[in-house]
Amino acid sequence: MGMRSGQATVEFALLYTLVIVPLTFGIVFISETLWIWHSVVDFTRDGARYAANHCYQADAANVITYMQANVPPMIDQNQFQLGQASINVAYYQNSGAGAALNAFSCDSECSVYCEPDVVSVGVSGYQFDRLLNFLKIAPLVIPPFTTTIPTESLGCDPATGACTP
């Protein structure tokens, strides 16, 4: 009887250390990765909505400042706040039906006479290394995400000709 209970203990220990623990950590890792993935996608969409409804600035400082201040709660959100992961904003002009978008430029900023047609907001360079760093494995680089939408008001009031950032 003593041999059988010892055998069961050894089998349980092997099963626990070789299957259950790695499976549990794998599920936690995949869950965190999917959470980060969703957060980054949502982050670019929020930035694009903000850019489409707020004043055009050639350097996009207002959009980048907004995004750095409103990073969704996620692991390593400081990568966006400290600039380790980059936030890219580009404005485009629609050159006609079916034609390609051209980079937008304007002599003045933030006016009803200087409005791009499309804005593109993207993030790149985010590295997820939560569990991988512990295991001495290279970090998982999240692919660049970009959201492109047509601009809306850009914070401009056509009646007064004034724009607010």
C-alpha atoms as a PDB file:
ATOM      1  CA  MET A   1       0.000   0.000   0.000  1.00  0.00           C
ATOM      2  CA  GLY A   2       2.890   2.363   0.807  1.00  0.00           C
ATOM      3  CA  MET A   3       4.381   1.963  -2.694  1.00  0.00           C
ATOM      4  CA  ARG A   4       1.168   2.927  -4.403  1.00  0.00           C
ATOM      5  CA  SER A   5       0.676   6.155  -2.404  1.00  0.00           C
ATOM      6  CA  GLY A   6       4.272   7.141  -3.114  1.00  0.00           C
ATOM      7  CA  GLN A   7       3.778   6.446  -6.792  1.00  0.00           C
ATOM      8  CA  ALA A   8       0.639   8.627  -6.853  1.00  0.00           C
ATOM      9  CA  THR A   9       2.553  11.451  -5.166  1.00  0.00           C
ATOM     10  CA  VAL A  10       5.362  11.250  -7.727  1.00  0.00           C
ATOM     11  CA  GLU A  11       2.878  11.164 -10.614  1.00  0.00           C
ATOM     12  CA  PHE A  12       1.038  14.174  -9.201  1.00  0.00           C
ATOM     13  CA  ALA A  13       4.299  16.098  -8.730  1.00  0.00           C
ATOM     14  CA  LEU A  14       5.362  15.356 -12.308  1.00  0.00           C
ATOM     15  CA  LEU A  15       1.965  16.269 -13.716  1.00  0.00           C
ATOM     16  CA  TYR A  16       1.830  19.451 -11.666  1.00  0.00           C
ATOM     17  CA  THR A  17       5.332  20.687 -12.542  1.00  0.00           C
ATOM     18  CA  LEU A  18       5.411  19.599 -16.180  1.00  0.00           C
ATOM     19  CA  VAL A  19       1.828  20.290 -17.265  1.00  0.00           C
ATOM     20  CA  ILE A  20      -0.315  22.314 -14.894  1.00  0.00           C
ATOM     21  CA  VAL A  21       2.159  25.085 -13.939  1.00  0.00           C
ATOM     22  CA  PRO A  22       3.371  25.777 -17.520  1.00  0.00           C
ATOM     23  CA  LEU A  23      -0.206  25.639 -18.801  1.00  0.00           C
ATOM     24  CA  THR A  24      -1.318  28.141 -16.159  1.00  0.00           C
ATOM     25  CA  PHE A  25       1.541  30.537 -16.947  1.00  0.00           C
ATOM     26  CA  GLY A  26       0.841  30.120 -20.671  1.00  0.00           C
ATOM     27  CA  ILE A  27      -2.812  31.066 -20.211  1.00  0.00           C
ATOM     28  CA  VAL A  28      -1.849  34.096 -18.111  1.00  0.00           C
ATOM     29  CA  PHE A  29       0.752  35.179 -20.702  1.00  0.00           C
ATOM     30  CA  ILE A  30      -1.648  34.826 -23.644  1.00  0.00           C
ATOM     31  CA  SER A  31      -4.359  36.688 -21.720  1.00  0.00           C
ATOM     32  CA  GLU A  32      -2.005  39.581 -20.931  1.00  0.00           C
ATOM     33  CA  THR A  33      -0.826  39.689 -24.552  1.00  0.00           C
ATOM     34  CA  LEU A  34      -4.396  39.856 -25.864  1.00  0.00           C
ATOM     35  CA  TRP A  35      -5.222  42.554 -23.304  1.00  0.00           C
ATOM     36  CA  ILE A  36      -2.232  44.616 -24.466  1.00  0.00           C
ATOM     37  CA  TRP A  37      -3.117  44.032 -28.115  1.00  0.00           C
ATOM     38  CA  HIS A  38      -6.678  45.253 -27.571  1.00  0.00           C
ATOM     39  CA  SER A  39      -5.506  48.234 -25.496  1.00  0.00           C
ATOM     40  CA  VAL A  40      -3.057  49.380 -28.184  1.00  0.00           C
ATOM     41  CA  VAL A  41      -5.690  49.087 -30.929  1.00  0.00           C
ATOM     42  CA  ASP A  42      -8.173  51.053 -28.818  1.00  0.00           C
ATOM     43  CA  PHE A  43      -5.452  53.595 -28.019  1.00  0.00           C
ATOM     44  CA  THR A  44      -4.844  54.338 -31.720  1.00  0.00           C
ATOM     45  CA  ARG A  45      -8.572  54.662 -32.373  1.00  0.00           C
ATOM     46  CA  ASP A  46      -8.963  57.124 -29.501  1.00  0.00           C
ATOM     47  CA  GLY A  47      -6.008  59.160 -30.769  1.00  0.00           C
ATOM     48  CA  ALA A  48      -7.447  59.231 -34.301  1.00  0.00           C
ATOM     49  CA  ARG A  49     -10.843  60.403 -33.002  1.00  0.00           C
ATOM     50  CA  TYR A  50      -9.125  63.151 -31.021  1.00  0.00           C
ATOM     51  CA  ALA A  51      -7.044  64.231 -34.037  1.00  0.00           C
ATOM     52  CA  ALA A  52     -10.127  64.297 -36.307  1.00  0.00           C
ATOM     53  CA  ASN A  53     -11.953  66.638 -33.923  1.00  0.00           C
ATOM     54  CA  HIS A  54      -9.168  68.923 -32.733  1.00  0.00           C
ATOM     55  CA  CYS A  55      -7.055  71.584 -34.336  1.00  0.00           C
ATOM     56  CA  TYR A  56      -4.509  70.656 -37.013  1.00  0.00           C
ATOM     57  CA  GLN A  57      -0.917  71.293 -35.985  1.00  0.00           C
ATOM     58  CA  ALA A  58       1.936  70.382 -38.322  1.00  0.00           C
ATOM     59  CA  ASP A  59       3.916  68.743 -35.513  1.00  0.00           C
ATOM     60  CA  ALA A  60       0.763  67.093 -34.060  1.00  0.00           C
ATOM     61  CA  ALA A  61       1.902  68.118 -30.580  1.00  0.00           C
ATOM     62  CA  ASN A  62      -1.670  68.464 -29.321  1.00  0.00           C
ATOM     63  CA  VAL A  63      -2.566  64.905 -30.397  1.00  0.00           C
ATOM     64  CA  ILE A  64       0.636  63.378 -28.998  1.00  0.00           C
ATOM     65  CA  THR A  65       0.225  65.250 -25.696  1.00  0.00           C
ATOM     66  CA  TYR A  66      -3.385  64.057 -25.434  1.00  0.00           C
ATOM     67  CA  MET A  67      -2.424  60.457 -26.171  1.00  0.00           C
ATOM     68  CA  GLN A  68       0.455  60.432 -23.683  1.00  0.00           C
ATOM     69  CA  ALA A  69      -1.888  61.777 -21.008  1.00  0.00           C
ATOM     70  CA  ASN A  70      -4.636  59.246 -21.819  1.00  0.00           C
ATOM     71  CA  VAL A  71      -2.844  55.920 -22.234  1.00  0.00           C
ATOM     72  CA  PRO A  72      -5.289  53.154 -21.307  1.00  0.00           C
ATOM     73  CA  PRO A  73      -4.523  51.287 -18.095  1.00  0.00           C
ATOM     74  CA  MET A  74      -2.276  48.484 -19.246  1.00  0.00           C
ATOM     75  CA  ILE A  75       1.051  46.858 -18.483  1.00  0.00           C
ATOM     76  CA  ASP A  76       4.011  49.108 -19.310  1.00  0.00           C
ATOM     77  CA  GLN A  77       1.856  52.091 -20.236  1.00  0.00           C
ATOM     78  CA  ASN A  78       4.879  54.230 -19.420  1.00  0.00           C
ATOM     79  CA  GLN A  79       6.429  53.108 -22.735  1.00  0.00           C
ATOM     80  CA  PHE A  80       3.992  55.507 -24.435  1.00  0.00           C
ATOM     81  CA  GLN A  81       4.323  58.231 -21.814  1.00  0.00           C
ATOM     82  CA  LEU A  82       8.141  58.238 -21.833  1.00  0.00           C
ATOM     83  CA  GLY A  83       8.537  57.858 -25.595  1.00  0.00           C
ATOM     84  CA  GLN A  84       9.991  54.333 -25.735  1.00  0.00           C
ATOM     85  CA  ALA A  85       7.074  53.402 -27.996  1.00  0.00           C
ATOM     86  CA  SER A  86       6.381  56.005 -30.648  1.00  0.00           C
ATOM     87  CA  ILE A  87       3.129  57.745 -31.499  1.00  0.00           C
ATOM     88  CA  ASN A  88       2.899  58.784 -35.164  1.00  0.00           C
ATOM     89  CA  VAL A  89       0.379  61.268 -36.523  1.00  0.00           C
ATOM     90  CA  ALA A  90       0.061  62.134 -40.225  1.00  0.00           C
ATOM     91  CA  TYR A  91      -2.441  64.335 -42.019  1.00  0.00           C
ATOM     92  CA  TYR A  92      -3.449  63.811 -45.639  1.00  0.00           C
ATOM     93  CA  GLN A  93      -5.282  65.618 -48.413  1.00  0.00           C
ATOM     94  CA  ASN A  94      -7.703  63.767 -50.652  1.00  0.00           C
ATOM     95  CA  SER A  95      -6.774  64.496 -54.265  1.00  0.00           C
ATOM     96  CA  GLY A  96      -9.976  63.167 -55.805  1.00  0.00           C
ATOM     97  CA  ALA A  97     -12.204  60.137 -56.220  1.00  0.00           C
ATOM     98  CA  GLY A  98     -10.205  56.932 -56.155  1.00  0.00           C
ATOM     99  CA  ALA A  99      -6.897  58.763 -56.089  1.00  0.00           C
ATOM    100  CA  ALA A 100      -4.184  58.246 -53.532  1.00  0.00           C
ATOM    101  CA  LEU A 101      -3.912  60.430 -50.472  1.00  0.00           C
ATOM    102  CA  ASN A 102      -1.236  63.106 -50.542  1.00  0.00           C
ATOM    103  CA  ALA A 103       0.666  64.379 -47.525  1.00  0.00           C
ATOM    104  CA  PHE A 104      -1.016  67.517 -46.211  1.00  0.00           C
ATOM    105  CA  SER A 105       0.813  70.765 -45.649  1.00  0.00           C
ATOM    106  CA  CYS A 106      -0.386  74.263 -44.960  1.00  0.00           C
ATOM    107  CA  ASP A 107       1.275  77.615 -44.352  1.00  0.00           C
ATOM    108  CA  SER A 108      -0.874  78.360 -41.324  1.00  0.00           C
ATOM    109  CA  GLU A 109      -2.141  76.168 -38.548  1.00  0.00           C
ATOM    110  CA  CYS A 110      -5.474  75.847 -36.854  1.00  0.00           C
ATOM    111  CA  SER A 111      -7.768  77.778 -39.167  1.00  0.00           C
ATOM    112  CA  VAL A 112     -10.834  77.030 -41.277  1.00  0.00           C
ATOM    113  CA  TYR A 113      -8.659  77.609 -44.361  1.00  0.00           C
ATOM    114  CA  CYS A 114      -6.150  74.938 -43.370  1.00  0.00           C
ATOM    115  CA  GLU A 115      -7.997  71.657 -42.909  1.00  0.00           C
ATOM    116  CA  PRO A 116      -6.694  68.229 -43.927  1.00  0.00           C
ATOM    117  CA  ASP A 117      -9.143  65.608 -45.188  1.00  0.00           C
ATOM    118  CA  VAL A 118      -7.779  62.504 -43.461  1.00  0.00           C
ATOM    119  CA  VAL A 119      -5.753  61.800 -40.327  1.00  0.00           C
ATOM    120  CA  SER A 120      -3.735  58.704 -39.568  1.00  0.00           C
ATOM    121  CA  VAL A 121      -2.606  57.854 -36.034  1.00  0.00           C
ATOM    122  CA  GLY A 122      -0.324  54.942 -35.314  1.00  0.00           C
ATOM    123  CA  VAL A 123       1.805  53.478 -32.567  1.00  0.00           C
ATOM    124  CA  SER A 124       4.925  51.392 -32.978  1.00  0.00           C
ATOM    125  CA  GLY A 125       7.810  50.034 -30.999  1.00  0.00           C
ATOM    126  CA  TYR A 126       5.864  48.714 -27.998  1.00  0.00           C
ATOM    127  CA  GLN A 127       7.622  45.723 -26.468  1.00  0.00           C
ATOM    128  CA  PHE A 128       5.803  43.338 -24.147  1.00  0.00           C
ATOM    129  CA  ASP A 129       8.308  41.626 -21.883  1.00  0.00           C
ATOM    130  CA  ARG A 130       6.400  40.946 -18.685  1.00  0.00           C
ATOM    131  CA  LEU A 131       6.942  37.190 -18.314  1.00  0.00           C
ATOM    132  CA  LEU A 132       9.495  36.879 -21.094  1.00  0.00           C
ATOM    133  CA  ASN A 133      12.041  39.008 -19.236  1.00  0.00           C
ATOM    134  CA  PHE A 134      11.871  36.613 -16.281  1.00  0.00           C
ATOM    135  CA  LEU A 135      12.450  33.641 -18.590  1.00  0.00           C
ATOM    136  CA  LYS A 136      15.348  35.439 -20.374  1.00  0.00           C
ATOM    137  CA  ILE A 137      13.472  35.413 -23.686  1.00  0.00           C
ATOM    138  CA  ALA A 138      13.477  38.361 -26.091  1.00  0.00           C
ATOM    139  CA  PRO A 139      10.469  40.687 -25.685  1.00  0.00           C
ATOM    140  CA  LEU A 140       7.427  40.339 -27.903  1.00  0.00           C
ATOM    141  CA  VAL A 141       7.231  43.384 -30.190  1.00  0.00           C
ATOM    142  CA  ILE A 142       3.625  44.341 -30.841  1.00  0.00           C
ATOM    143  CA  PRO A 143       3.220  45.150 -34.576  1.00  0.00           C
ATOM    144  CA  PRO A 144       2.585  48.764 -35.554  1.00  0.00           C
ATOM    145  CA  PHE A 145      -1.090  49.669 -35.390  1.00  0.00           C
ATOM    146  CA  THR A 146      -2.521  52.524 -37.451  1.00  0.00           C
ATOM    147  CA  THR A 147      -6.006  53.984 -37.576  1.00  0.00           C
ATOM    148  CA  THR A 148      -6.923  56.250 -40.500  1.00  0.00           C
ATOM    149  CA  ILE A 149     -10.186  58.195 -40.510  1.00  0.00           C
ATOM    150  CA  PRO A 150     -11.613  61.261 -42.244  1.00  0.00           C
ATOM    151  CA  THR A 151     -11.316  64.475 -40.304  1.00  0.00           C
ATOM    152  CA  GLU A 152     -14.413  66.060 -38.882  1.00  0.00           C
ATOM    153  CA  SER A 153     -14.529  69.535 -37.366  1.00  0.00           C
ATOM    154  CA  LEU A 154     -10.851  69.790 -36.404  1.00  0.00           C
ATOM    155  CA  GLY A 155     -12.053  72.100 -33.647  1.00  0.00           C
ATOM    156  CA  CYS A 156     -12.950  74.843 -36.137  1.00  0.00           C
ATOM    157  CA  ASP A 157     -16.153  76.850 -36.148  1.00  0.00           C
ATOM    158  CA  PRO A 158     -16.854  78.042 -39.743  1.00  0.00           C
ATOM    159  CA  ALA A 159     -19.202  80.768 -38.505  1.00  0.00           C
ATOM    160  CA  THR A 160     -16.535  82.535 -36.454  1.00  0.00           C
ATOM    161  CA  GLY A 161     -13.460  81.279 -38.346  1.00  0.00           C
ATOM    162  CA  ALA A 162     -11.849  80.379 -35.010  1.00  0.00           C
ATOM    163  CA  CYS A 163     -10.365  77.061 -34.015  1.00  0.00           C
ATOM    164  CA  THR A 164      -9.732  75.705 -30.562  1.00  0.00           C
ATOM    165  CA  PRO A 165      -7.056  73.103 -29.959  1.00  0.00           C
END
